[in-house]
Amino acid sequence: MSNSMFPQMDSLHLDVLKEISSIGTGNAISSLSKITNKRISMEVPKVMFLEFKDVHKSIGDPEDMVAGILVSLSGDISGMVMFILNVHTARSLINYFYEKPTATNEFDELDRSALEEMGNILISSYISALGTLINKRIIPSVPTVALDMAAAILSVPAIEFSKVADGVMHIETVFSAGADQMSGYFLLVPELESFNVIMKALGAF
């Protein structure tokens, strides 16, 4: 079997994936808002399938500092999900949700814990919505948080899955928290077999 997802993709598949992403990210943002009791709104997410080598171009300069929250998936679907924020957005979210008015982009243990908590809420809610839509059991791991250059953060899924798949579902989510408008990026990296399971469950194959 070819390890390429891209020849299988057409407008129907992309429409289905866009709908999944809209529901999943909407559910994630709504969950974060309810749990923190803070108002947050979201625009319709932009969904693309990208090769690993092109992902950093859509996020920014590969040397930009970002926060990455990574979760591995098991159960009926194998792969990983990463939520990426630039450090300025990460700081703004921590300040907004946890009422911690700090201007610096240095992150202490409490900041990392806050990022891990937010990442867990966002990714778990997204995965729950996806699992419900496709009627599959998806088990997320405990999230891990990394602060590094974008190129270094993105090398993790690229190295892990380059032998079984060649791409990533890239979901850009623009949201407003307080007076700030910010962007975050969900990267869904299913193994090829799991990608086929998702699409078959949705009737796209």
N, C-alpha and C. Protein backbone atom coordinates (compact mmCIF):
# COMPACT_ATOMS: atom_id res chain seq x y z
N MET A 1 0.85 -1.21 0.00
CA MET A 1 0.00 0.00 0.00
C MET A 1 0.88 1.25 0.00
N SER A 2 0.53 2.21 -0.85
CA SER A 2 1.28 3.46 -0.85
C SER A 2 1.10 4.17 0.48
N ASN A 3 2.14 4.88 0.89
CA ASN A 3 2.03 5.60 2.16
C ASN A 3 1.56 7.03 1.96
N SER A 4 1.06 7.33 0.77
CA SER A 4 0.62 8.69 0.50
C SER A 4 -0.87 8.85 0.70
N MET A 5 -1.28 9.86 1.48
CA MET A 5 -2.69 10.17 1.64
C MET A 5 -3.21 11.00 0.47
N PHE A 6 -2.36 11.77 -0.15
CA PHE A 6 -2.80 12.82 -1.05
C PHE A 6 -3.50 12.35 -2.32
N PRO A 7 -3.05 11.26 -2.98
CA PRO A 7 -3.77 10.83 -4.17
C PRO A 7 -5.21 10.44 -3.89
N GLN A 8 -5.52 10.10 -2.63
CA GLN A 8 -6.87 9.68 -2.28
C GLN A 8 -7.81 10.86 -2.03
N MET A 9 -7.26 12.06 -1.93
CA MET A 9 -8.05 13.20 -1.53
C MET A 9 -8.75 13.85 -2.72
N ASP A 10 -10.02 14.20 -2.55
CA ASP A 10 -10.71 15.01 -3.53
C ASP A 10 -11.57 16.02 -2.77
N SER A 11 -12.39 16.77 -3.48
CA SER A 11 -13.16 17.83 -2.82
C SER A 11 -14.13 17.28 -1.79
N LEU A 12 -14.67 16.07 -2.02
CA LEU A 12 -15.59 15.46 -1.05
C LEU A 12 -14.87 15.19 0.26
N HIS A 13 -13.68 14.60 0.16
CA HIS A 13 -12.91 14.29 1.36
C HIS A 13 -12.58 15.57 2.13
N LEU A 14 -12.17 16.59 1.40
CA LEU A 14 -11.81 17.85 2.05
C LEU A 14 -13.02 18.49 2.73
N ASP A 15 -14.19 18.42 2.08
CA ASP A 15 -15.40 18.96 2.68
C ASP A 15 -15.75 18.23 3.98
N VAL A 16 -15.60 16.89 3.95
CA VAL A 16 -15.87 16.10 5.14
C VAL A 16 -14.91 16.48 6.26
N LEU A 17 -13.63 16.60 5.92
CA LEU A 17 -12.62 16.94 6.92
C LEU A 17 -12.83 18.34 7.47
N LYS A 18 -13.27 19.26 6.61
CA LYS A 18 -13.56 20.61 7.08
C LYS A 18 -14.72 20.60 8.08
N GLU A 19 -15.72 19.78 7.81
CA GLU A 19 -16.86 19.70 8.72
C GLU A 19 -16.43 19.11 10.06
N ILE A 20 -15.63 18.03 10.00
CA ILE A 20 -15.10 17.44 11.23
C ILE A 20 -14.33 18.48 12.03
N SER A 21 -13.46 19.19 11.34
CA SER A 21 -12.59 20.17 12.00
C SER A 21 -13.39 21.29 12.62
N SER A 22 -14.43 21.74 11.90
CA SER A 22 -15.26 22.82 12.42
C SER A 22 -15.98 22.39 13.70
N ILE A 23 -16.52 21.16 13.69
CA ILE A 23 -17.21 20.64 14.87
C ILE A 23 -16.21 20.39 16.00
N GLY A 24 -15.08 19.76 15.66
CA GLY A 24 -14.09 19.41 16.68
C GLY A 24 -13.48 20.62 17.35
N THR A 25 -13.04 21.60 16.55
CA THR A 25 -12.43 22.79 17.14
C THR A 25 -13.47 23.64 17.85
N GLY A 26 -14.68 23.69 17.31
CA GLY A 26 -15.74 24.43 17.99
C GLY A 26 -16.04 23.84 19.35
N ASN A 27 -16.09 22.52 19.43
CA ASN A 27 -16.32 21.82 20.68
C ASN A 27 -15.18 22.08 21.67
N ALA A 28 -13.95 22.10 21.15
CA ALA A 28 -12.78 22.34 22.00
C ALA A 28 -12.80 23.74 22.59
N ILE A 29 -13.04 24.74 21.75
CA ILE A 29 -13.06 26.13 22.21
C ILE A 29 -14.20 26.34 23.20
N SER A 30 -15.36 25.73 22.91
CA SER A 30 -16.51 25.86 23.81
C SER A 30 -16.21 25.25 25.18
N SER A 31 -15.54 24.08 25.17
CA SER A 31 -15.19 23.43 26.44
C SER A 31 -14.24 24.29 27.26
N LEU A 32 -13.23 24.86 26.60
CA LEU A 32 -12.27 25.72 27.30
C LEU A 32 -12.98 26.93 27.89
N SER A 33 -13.90 27.50 27.14
CA SER A 33 -14.63 28.67 27.60
C SER A 33 -15.48 28.35 28.83
N LYS A 34 -16.17 27.20 28.80
CA LYS A 34 -17.03 26.82 29.91
C LYS A 34 -16.24 26.52 31.17
N ILE A 35 -15.15 25.79 31.00
CA ILE A 35 -14.36 25.37 32.16
C ILE A 35 -13.68 26.55 32.84
N THR A 36 -13.22 27.50 32.03
CA THR A 36 -12.53 28.67 32.59
C THR A 36 -13.48 29.82 32.90
N ASN A 37 -14.76 29.67 32.46
CA ASN A 37 -15.75 30.73 32.65
C ASN A 37 -15.30 32.05 32.04
N LYS A 38 -14.67 31.93 30.87
CA LYS A 38 -14.21 33.10 30.13
C LYS A 38 -14.79 33.07 28.73
N ARG A 39 -15.13 34.24 28.20
CA ARG A 39 -15.72 34.32 26.87
C ARG A 39 -14.63 34.13 25.81
N ILE A 40 -14.93 33.28 24.84
CA ILE A 40 -14.02 33.07 23.73
C ILE A 40 -14.84 32.72 22.49
N SER A 41 -14.50 33.30 21.36
CA SER A 41 -15.22 33.04 20.12
C SER A 41 -14.23 32.57 19.06
N MET A 42 -14.76 31.91 18.03
CA MET A 42 -13.90 31.29 17.03
C MET A 42 -14.44 31.52 15.63
N GLU A 43 -13.55 31.78 14.69
CA GLU A 43 -13.93 31.83 13.29
C GLU A 43 -13.93 30.41 12.72
N VAL A 44 -14.53 30.24 11.54
CA VAL A 44 -14.53 28.94 10.88
C VAL A 44 -13.07 28.54 10.61
N PRO A 45 -12.66 27.35 11.05
CA PRO A 45 -11.25 26.97 10.88
C PRO A 45 -10.89 26.74 9.42
N LYS A 46 -9.62 26.96 9.09
CA LYS A 46 -9.09 26.69 7.76
C LYS A 46 -8.39 25.34 7.79
N VAL A 47 -8.78 24.45 6.89
CA VAL A 47 -8.27 23.09 6.90
C VAL A 47 -7.48 22.82 5.62
N MET A 48 -6.29 22.25 5.79
CA MET A 48 -5.46 21.86 4.66
C MET A 48 -4.79 20.55 4.97
N PHE A 49 -4.48 19.78 3.92
CA PHE A 49 -3.58 18.65 4.07
C PHE A 49 -2.24 19.07 3.53
N LEU A 50 -1.21 18.94 4.36
CA LEU A 50 0.12 19.40 3.98
C LEU A 50 1.14 18.28 4.17
N GLU A 51 2.18 18.31 3.36
CA GLU A 51 3.31 17.46 3.62
C GLU A 51 4.06 18.02 4.82
N PHE A 52 4.71 17.14 5.57
CA PHE A 52 5.42 17.58 6.77
C PHE A 52 6.37 18.73 6.48
N LYS A 53 7.07 18.64 5.37
CA LYS A 53 8.09 19.64 5.07
C LYS A 53 7.51 21.03 4.83
N ASP A 54 6.19 21.11 4.60
CA ASP A 54 5.56 22.40 4.30
C ASP A 54 4.79 22.99 5.47
N VAL A 55 4.66 22.23 6.55
CA VAL A 55 3.82 22.69 7.67
C VAL A 55 4.34 23.97 8.27
N HIS A 56 5.66 24.07 8.46
CA HIS A 56 6.21 25.25 9.13
C HIS A 56 5.93 26.53 8.36
N LYS A 57 5.75 26.42 7.02
CA LYS A 57 5.51 27.61 6.22
C LYS A 57 4.17 28.25 6.56
N SER A 58 3.22 27.44 6.98
CA SER A 58 1.89 27.97 7.30
C SER A 58 1.82 28.50 8.73
N ILE A 59 2.82 28.17 9.54
CA ILE A 59 2.82 28.60 10.94
C ILE A 59 3.65 29.85 11.14
N GLY A 60 4.73 29.98 10.36
CA GLY A 60 5.59 31.15 10.49
C GLY A 60 7.04 30.76 10.28
N ASP A 61 7.92 31.63 10.69
CA ASP A 61 9.35 31.39 10.55
C ASP A 61 9.74 30.15 11.37
N PRO A 62 10.51 29.22 10.78
CA PRO A 62 10.90 28.01 11.52
C PRO A 62 11.71 28.30 12.77
N GLU A 63 12.29 29.50 12.88
CA GLU A 63 13.06 29.85 14.07
C GLU A 63 12.23 30.59 15.11
N ASP A 64 10.93 30.84 14.82
CA ASP A 64 10.05 31.47 15.81
C ASP A 64 9.85 30.53 16.99
N MET A 65 9.78 31.10 18.18
CA MET A 65 9.52 30.30 19.37
C MET A 65 8.03 30.02 19.48
N VAL A 66 7.69 28.76 19.72
CA VAL A 66 6.29 28.36 19.84
C VAL A 66 6.13 27.44 21.03
N ALA A 67 4.88 27.30 21.45
CA ALA A 67 4.51 26.30 22.46
C ALA A 67 3.77 25.19 21.74
N GLY A 68 4.20 23.96 21.97
CA GLY A 68 3.54 22.82 21.37
C GLY A 68 3.02 21.89 22.44
N ILE A 69 1.73 21.53 22.34
CA ILE A 69 1.13 20.56 23.27
C ILE A 69 0.84 19.31 22.46
N LEU A 70 1.47 18.21 22.83
CA LEU A 70 1.43 16.98 22.05
C LEU A 70 0.70 15.87 22.79
N VAL A 71 -0.18 15.18 22.04
CA VAL A 71 -0.92 14.03 22.58
C VAL A 71 -0.83 12.89 21.58
N SER A 72 -0.52 11.70 22.07
CA SER A 72 -0.54 10.50 21.22
C SER A 72 -1.93 9.87 21.30
N LEU A 73 -2.34 9.22 20.21
CA LEU A 73 -3.66 8.60 20.11
C LEU A 73 -3.52 7.09 20.01
N SER A 74 -4.42 6.39 20.68
CA SER A 74 -4.47 4.93 20.59
C SER A 74 -5.92 4.50 20.59
N GLY A 75 -6.16 3.20 20.60
CA GLY A 75 -7.53 2.70 20.49
C GLY A 75 -7.83 2.35 19.05
N ASP A 76 -8.98 2.78 18.54
CA ASP A 76 -9.35 2.50 17.15
C ASP A 76 -8.59 3.37 16.16
N ILE A 77 -8.04 4.48 16.65
CA ILE A 77 -7.28 5.41 15.82
C ILE A 77 -5.91 5.62 16.43
N SER A 78 -4.87 5.46 15.61
CA SER A 78 -3.50 5.69 16.08
C SER A 78 -2.93 6.91 15.38
N GLY A 79 -2.12 7.64 16.12
CA GLY A 79 -1.50 8.83 15.55
C GLY A 79 -1.16 9.80 16.66
N MET A 80 -1.18 11.08 16.32
CA MET A 80 -0.93 12.10 17.33
C MET A 80 -1.63 13.39 16.94
N VAL A 81 -1.87 14.21 17.93
CA VAL A 81 -2.41 15.55 17.73
C VAL A 81 -1.48 16.52 18.44
N MET A 82 -1.17 17.61 17.76
CA MET A 82 -0.38 18.66 18.38
C MET A 82 -1.13 19.98 18.22
N PHE A 83 -1.17 20.75 19.29
CA PHE A 83 -1.73 22.10 19.24
C PHE A 83 -0.58 23.07 19.41
N ILE A 84 -0.42 23.99 18.45
CA ILE A 84 0.72 24.89 18.44
C ILE A 84 0.25 26.34 18.54
N LEU A 85 0.93 27.10 19.40
CA LEU A 85 0.70 28.53 19.57
C LEU A 85 2.06 29.22 19.55
N ASN A 86 2.13 30.42 18.97
CA ASN A 86 3.38 31.15 19.17
C ASN A 86 3.42 31.63 20.62
N VAL A 87 4.60 31.95 21.10
CA VAL A 87 4.75 32.24 22.53
C VAL A 87 3.95 33.47 22.96
N HIS A 88 3.76 34.43 22.07
CA HIS A 88 2.99 35.63 22.41
C HIS A 88 1.52 35.26 22.65
N THR A 89 0.99 34.39 21.78
CA THR A 89 -0.38 33.92 21.95
C THR A 89 -0.52 33.09 23.22
N ALA A 90 0.45 32.22 23.45
CA ALA A 90 0.43 31.40 24.67
C ALA A 90 0.41 32.27 25.91
N ARG A 91 1.24 33.32 25.92
CA ARG A 91 1.29 34.22 27.07
C ARG A 91 -0.05 34.95 27.22
N SER A 92 -0.62 35.41 26.10
CA SER A 92 -1.90 36.12 26.16
C SER A 92 -3.00 35.23 26.71
N LEU A 93 -3.01 33.96 26.31
CA LEU A 93 -4.03 33.03 26.80
C LEU A 93 -3.88 32.78 28.30
N ILE A 94 -2.65 32.58 28.73
CA ILE A 94 -2.42 32.37 30.17
C ILE A 94 -2.87 33.59 30.96
N ASN A 95 -2.51 34.77 30.47
CA ASN A 95 -2.91 36.01 31.15
C ASN A 95 -4.42 36.15 31.22
N TYR A 96 -5.09 35.79 30.10
CA TYR A 96 -6.54 35.97 30.01
C TYR A 96 -7.30 34.95 30.86
N PHE A 97 -6.97 33.67 30.68
CA PHE A 97 -7.73 32.63 31.36
C PHE A 97 -7.39 32.50 32.82
N TYR A 98 -6.15 32.76 33.18
CA TYR A 98 -5.73 32.55 34.56
C TYR A 98 -5.46 33.86 35.29
N GLU A 99 -5.81 34.97 34.62
CA GLU A 99 -5.70 36.30 35.23
C GLU A 99 -4.32 36.49 35.84
N LYS A 100 -3.33 36.22 35.00
CA LYS A 100 -1.94 36.34 35.44
C LYS A 100 -1.26 37.38 34.54
N PRO A 101 -1.36 38.67 34.88
CA PRO A 101 -0.85 39.73 34.01
C PRO A 101 0.68 39.79 33.97
N THR A 102 1.25 38.99 33.08
CA THR A 102 2.71 38.94 32.94
C THR A 102 3.08 39.29 31.51
N ALA A 103 4.03 40.17 31.34
CA ALA A 103 4.42 40.62 30.00
C ALA A 103 5.51 39.75 29.40
N THR A 104 6.31 39.08 30.21
CA THR A 104 7.45 38.34 29.71
C THR A 104 7.03 37.09 28.95
N ASN A 105 7.87 36.66 28.01
CA ASN A 105 7.63 35.41 27.30
C ASN A 105 8.46 34.27 27.88
N GLU A 106 8.96 34.47 29.11
CA GLU A 106 9.56 33.38 29.86
C GLU A 106 8.43 32.62 30.56
N PHE A 107 8.52 31.30 30.56
CA PHE A 107 7.44 30.48 31.12
C PHE A 107 7.96 29.67 32.29
N ASP A 108 7.35 29.89 33.47
CA ASP A 108 7.74 29.13 34.64
C ASP A 108 6.89 27.85 34.73
N GLU A 109 7.06 27.10 35.81
CA GLU A 109 6.35 25.83 35.94
C GLU A 109 4.84 26.01 35.99
N LEU A 110 4.38 27.10 36.63
CA LEU A 110 2.94 27.36 36.67
C LEU A 110 2.40 27.66 35.27
N ASP A 111 3.19 28.39 34.47
CA ASP A 111 2.79 28.68 33.10
C ASP A 111 2.69 27.39 32.28
N ARG A 112 3.69 26.54 32.42
CA ARG A 112 3.69 25.27 31.69
C ARG A 112 2.50 24.40 32.12
N SER A 113 2.20 24.43 33.40
CA SER A 113 1.06 23.67 33.90
C SER A 113 -0.25 24.21 33.30
N ALA A 114 -0.34 25.54 33.19
CA ALA A 114 -1.53 26.16 32.60
C ALA A 114 -1.65 25.78 31.12
N LEU A 115 -0.53 25.80 30.40
CA LEU A 115 -0.54 25.40 28.99
C LEU A 115 -0.95 23.94 28.85
N GLU A 116 -0.43 23.09 29.72
CA GLU A 116 -0.79 21.68 29.68
C GLU A 116 -2.27 21.48 29.93
N GLU A 117 -2.81 22.24 30.88
CA GLU A 117 -4.24 22.13 31.20
C GLU A 117 -5.09 22.60 30.02
N MET A 118 -4.73 23.74 29.43
CA MET A 118 -5.47 24.24 28.27
C MET A 118 -5.36 23.27 27.10
N GLY A 119 -4.14 22.78 26.86
CA GLY A 119 -3.95 21.83 25.77
C GLY A 119 -4.76 20.57 25.96
N ASN A 120 -4.80 20.08 27.20
CA ASN A 120 -5.57 18.88 27.50
C ASN A 120 -7.05 19.09 27.23
N ILE A 121 -7.57 20.25 27.64
CA ILE A 121 -8.99 20.56 27.41
C ILE A 121 -9.27 20.64 25.91
N LEU A 122 -8.45 21.38 25.19
CA LEU A 122 -8.67 21.59 23.76
C LEU A 122 -8.56 20.29 22.97
N ILE A 123 -7.46 19.56 23.17
CA ILE A 123 -7.24 18.35 22.38
C ILE A 123 -8.22 17.25 22.76
N SER A 124 -8.47 17.06 24.05
CA SER A 124 -9.41 16.02 24.48
C SER A 124 -10.81 16.29 23.95
N SER A 125 -11.21 17.57 23.94
CA SER A 125 -12.54 17.92 23.42
C SER A 125 -12.60 17.67 21.92
N TYR A 126 -11.53 18.00 21.21
CA TYR A 126 -11.47 17.77 19.77
C TYR A 126 -11.55 16.28 19.47
N ILE A 127 -10.76 15.48 20.19
CA ILE A 127 -10.73 14.04 19.97
C ILE A 127 -12.07 13.41 20.32
N SER A 128 -12.70 13.89 21.39
CA SER A 128 -14.02 13.37 21.77
C SER A 128 -15.04 13.62 20.67
N ALA A 129 -15.02 14.81 20.09
CA ALA A 129 -15.94 15.13 19.00
C ALA A 129 -15.68 14.24 17.80
N LEU A 130 -14.40 14.04 17.46
CA LEU A 130 -14.05 13.19 16.33
C LEU A 130 -14.51 11.75 16.57
N GLY A 131 -14.24 11.24 17.78
CA GLY A 131 -14.64 9.88 18.10
C GLY A 131 -16.14 9.68 18.02
N THR A 132 -16.90 10.67 18.48
CA THR A 132 -18.37 10.60 18.41
C THR A 132 -18.85 10.60 16.96
N LEU A 133 -18.24 11.43 16.13
CA LEU A 133 -18.64 11.54 14.73
C LEU A 133 -18.42 10.25 13.96
N ILE A 134 -17.30 9.58 14.24
CA ILE A 134 -16.97 8.38 13.47
C ILE A 134 -17.30 7.10 14.24
N ASN A 135 -17.85 7.25 15.45
CA ASN A 135 -18.23 6.11 16.28
C ASN A 135 -17.05 5.18 16.53
N LYS A 136 -15.92 5.78 16.89
CA LYS A 136 -14.71 5.02 17.18
C LYS A 136 -14.16 5.42 18.54
N ARG A 137 -13.49 4.48 19.19
CA ARG A 137 -12.88 4.75 20.49
C ARG A 137 -11.48 5.29 20.27
N ILE A 138 -11.26 6.53 20.72
CA ILE A 138 -9.94 7.16 20.58
C ILE A 138 -9.46 7.54 21.98
N ILE A 139 -8.29 7.07 22.32
CA ILE A 139 -7.75 7.29 23.67
C ILE A 139 -6.57 8.24 23.58
N PRO A 140 -6.69 9.46 24.14
CA PRO A 140 -5.55 10.38 24.14
C PRO A 140 -4.62 10.11 25.31
N SER A 141 -3.33 10.32 25.09
CA SER A 141 -2.36 10.19 26.17
C SER A 141 -2.36 11.45 27.03
N VAL A 142 -1.61 11.41 28.10
CA VAL A 142 -1.37 12.63 28.89
C VAL A 142 -0.58 13.61 28.02
N PRO A 143 -0.98 14.87 27.95
CA PRO A 143 -0.29 15.83 27.09
C PRO A 143 1.10 16.18 27.60
N THR A 144 1.98 16.45 26.67
CA THR A 144 3.30 16.97 27.02
C THR A 144 3.46 18.34 26.37
N VAL A 145 4.12 19.25 27.07
CA VAL A 145 4.31 20.62 26.60
C VAL A 145 5.78 20.85 26.29
N ALA A 146 6.02 21.47 25.14
CA ALA A 146 7.40 21.83 24.77
C ALA A 146 7.41 23.28 24.30
N LEU A 147 8.46 23.99 24.67
CA LEU A 147 8.68 25.36 24.21
C LEU A 147 10.00 25.38 23.46
N ASP A 148 9.92 25.66 22.15
CA ASP A 148 11.13 25.58 21.33
C ASP A 148 10.86 26.29 20.02
N MET A 149 11.85 26.30 19.13
CA MET A 149 11.64 26.85 17.80
C MET A 149 10.67 25.97 17.03
N ALA A 150 9.89 26.58 16.12
CA ALA A 150 8.87 25.84 15.38
C ALA A 150 9.46 24.63 14.67
N ALA A 151 10.62 24.79 14.06
CA ALA A 151 11.24 23.68 13.33
C ALA A 151 11.51 22.50 14.25
N ALA A 152 11.98 22.77 15.46
CA ALA A 152 12.27 21.70 16.41
C ALA A 152 10.99 21.03 16.90
N ILE A 153 9.96 21.83 17.19
CA ILE A 153 8.68 21.28 17.65
C ILE A 153 8.07 20.38 16.58
N LEU A 154 8.10 20.83 15.33
CA LEU A 154 7.47 20.09 14.24
C LEU A 154 8.26 18.85 13.84
N SER A 155 9.51 18.77 14.24
CA SER A 155 10.30 17.60 13.88
C SER A 155 9.79 16.35 14.59
N VAL A 156 9.07 16.52 15.71
CA VAL A 156 8.60 15.36 16.48
C VAL A 156 7.62 14.52 15.67
N PRO A 157 6.48 15.09 15.19
CA PRO A 157 5.58 14.26 14.38
C PRO A 157 6.20 13.86 13.05
N ALA A 158 7.04 14.69 12.48
CA ALA A 158 7.65 14.38 11.19
C ALA A 158 8.52 13.13 11.30
N ILE A 159 9.34 13.05 12.33
CA ILE A 159 10.21 11.89 12.51
C ILE A 159 9.39 10.65 12.86
N GLU A 160 8.41 10.84 13.73
CA GLU A 160 7.63 9.71 14.24
C GLU A 160 6.83 9.02 13.15
N PHE A 161 6.26 9.79 12.22
CA PHE A 161 5.31 9.20 11.28
C PHE A 161 5.72 9.26 9.82
N SER A 162 6.91 9.74 9.51
CA SER A 162 7.31 9.86 8.11
C SER A 162 7.39 8.50 7.42
N LYS A 163 7.55 7.41 8.19
CA LYS A 163 7.65 6.09 7.59
C LYS A 163 6.29 5.47 7.29
N VAL A 164 5.23 6.00 7.89
CA VAL A 164 3.91 5.40 7.68
C VAL A 164 2.92 6.34 7.02
N ALA A 165 3.23 7.62 6.97
CA ALA A 165 2.35 8.60 6.33
C ALA A 165 3.19 9.78 5.90
N ASP A 166 2.67 10.54 4.96
CA ASP A 166 3.47 11.64 4.42
C ASP A 166 2.86 13.00 4.70
N GLY A 167 1.77 13.05 5.46
CA GLY A 167 1.12 14.34 5.62
C GLY A 167 0.45 14.53 6.96
N VAL A 168 -0.07 15.71 7.11
CA VAL A 168 -0.71 16.12 8.35
C VAL A 168 -1.95 16.95 8.00
N MET A 169 -3.02 16.76 8.78
CA MET A 169 -4.19 17.62 8.61
C MET A 169 -3.94 18.87 9.44
N HIS A 170 -3.83 19.99 8.77
CA HIS A 170 -3.45 21.26 9.38
C HIS A 170 -4.71 22.10 9.53
N ILE A 171 -5.05 22.45 10.77
CA ILE A 171 -6.28 23.19 11.05
C ILE A 171 -5.91 24.49 11.74
N GLU A 172 -6.06 25.60 11.03
CA GLU A 172 -5.78 26.89 11.64
C GLU A 172 -7.07 27.43 12.26
N THR A 173 -7.00 27.74 13.53
CA THR A 173 -8.15 28.25 14.27
C THR A 173 -7.87 29.67 14.73
N VAL A 174 -8.66 30.59 14.26
CA VAL A 174 -8.55 31.99 14.69
C VAL A 174 -9.63 32.23 15.73
N PHE A 175 -9.22 32.68 16.90
CA PHE A 175 -10.19 32.88 17.97
C PHE A 175 -9.92 34.20 18.68
N SER A 176 -10.95 34.66 19.36
CA SER A 176 -10.86 35.92 20.10
C SER A 176 -11.06 35.65 21.57
N ALA A 177 -10.12 36.14 22.38
CA ALA A 177 -10.21 36.02 23.83
C ALA A 177 -10.02 37.41 24.41
N GLY A 178 -11.07 37.95 25.00
CA GLY A 178 -11.00 39.33 25.46
C GLY A 178 -10.88 40.25 24.26
N ALA A 179 -9.92 41.16 24.31
CA ALA A 179 -9.73 42.10 23.20
C ALA A 179 -8.75 41.58 22.15
N ASP A 180 -8.18 40.40 22.38
CA ASP A 180 -7.14 39.88 21.50
C ASP A 180 -7.69 38.87 20.51
N GLN A 181 -7.20 38.97 19.27
CA GLN A 181 -7.49 37.95 18.25
C GLN A 181 -6.20 37.15 18.03
N MET A 182 -6.32 35.83 18.09
CA MET A 182 -5.14 34.98 18.06
C MET A 182 -5.36 33.78 17.15
N SER A 183 -4.25 33.16 16.77
CA SER A 183 -4.31 31.95 15.95
C SER A 183 -3.65 30.79 16.68
N GLY A 184 -4.26 29.63 16.55
CA GLY A 184 -3.67 28.39 17.03
C GLY A 184 -3.78 27.36 15.93
N TYR A 185 -2.98 26.32 16.01
CA TYR A 185 -2.93 25.33 14.95
C TYR A 185 -3.05 23.92 15.52
N PHE A 186 -4.10 23.22 15.11
CA PHE A 186 -4.22 21.80 15.40
C PHE A 186 -3.56 21.03 14.27
N LEU A 187 -2.68 20.11 14.61
CA LEU A 187 -2.07 19.23 13.63
C LEU A 187 -2.50 17.81 13.97
N LEU A 188 -3.34 17.22 13.11
CA LEU A 188 -3.78 15.84 13.29
C LEU A 188 -2.95 14.97 12.37
N VAL A 189 -2.19 14.05 12.96
CA VAL A 189 -1.30 13.19 12.19
C VAL A 189 -1.72 11.74 12.41
N PRO A 190 -2.69 11.24 11.63
CA PRO A 190 -3.08 9.84 11.79
C PRO A 190 -2.14 8.93 11.01
N GLU A 191 -1.95 7.71 11.51
CA GLU A 191 -1.29 6.72 10.69
C GLU A 191 -2.19 6.47 9.48
N LEU A 192 -1.58 6.01 8.39
CA LEU A 192 -2.34 5.85 7.14
C LEU A 192 -3.55 4.94 7.33
N GLU A 193 -3.36 3.83 8.03
CA GLU A 193 -4.48 2.92 8.25
C GLU A 193 -5.60 3.60 9.03
N SER A 194 -5.23 4.42 10.01
CA SER A 194 -6.23 5.14 10.80
C SER A 194 -6.92 6.21 9.97
N PHE A 195 -6.17 6.86 9.08
CA PHE A 195 -6.78 7.84 8.17
C PHE A 195 -7.86 7.16 7.33
N ASN A 196 -7.56 5.96 6.82
CA ASN A 196 -8.54 5.23 6.02
C ASN A 196 -9.75 4.84 6.86
N VAL A 197 -9.52 4.48 8.13
CA VAL A 197 -10.62 4.15 9.03
C VAL A 197 -11.54 5.36 9.21
N ILE A 198 -10.94 6.54 9.41
CA ILE A 198 -11.73 7.76 9.59
C ILE A 198 -12.59 8.03 8.36
N MET A 199 -11.96 7.98 7.19
CA MET A 199 -12.69 8.31 5.96
C MET A 199 -13.77 7.28 5.65
N LYS A 200 -13.50 6.00 5.90
CA LYS A 200 -14.52 4.96 5.67
C LYS A 200 -15.70 5.13 6.63
N ALA A 201 -15.39 5.48 7.89
CA ALA A 201 -16.46 5.71 8.87
C ALA A 201 -17.37 6.86 8.46
N LEU A 202 -16.82 7.80 7.70
CA LEU A 202 -17.60 8.96 7.26
C LEU A 202 -18.20 8.74 5.87
N GLY A 203 -17.98 7.56 5.29
CA GLY A 203 -18.55 7.26 3.98
C GLY A 203 -17.86 7.94 2.83
N ALA A 204 -16.62 8.39 3.05
CA ALA A 204 -15.91 9.11 1.99
C ALA A 204 -15.09 8.19 1.11
N PHE A 205 -14.87 6.93 1.54
CA PHE A 205 -14.19 5.93 0.71
C PHE A 205 -15.20 4.86 0.31
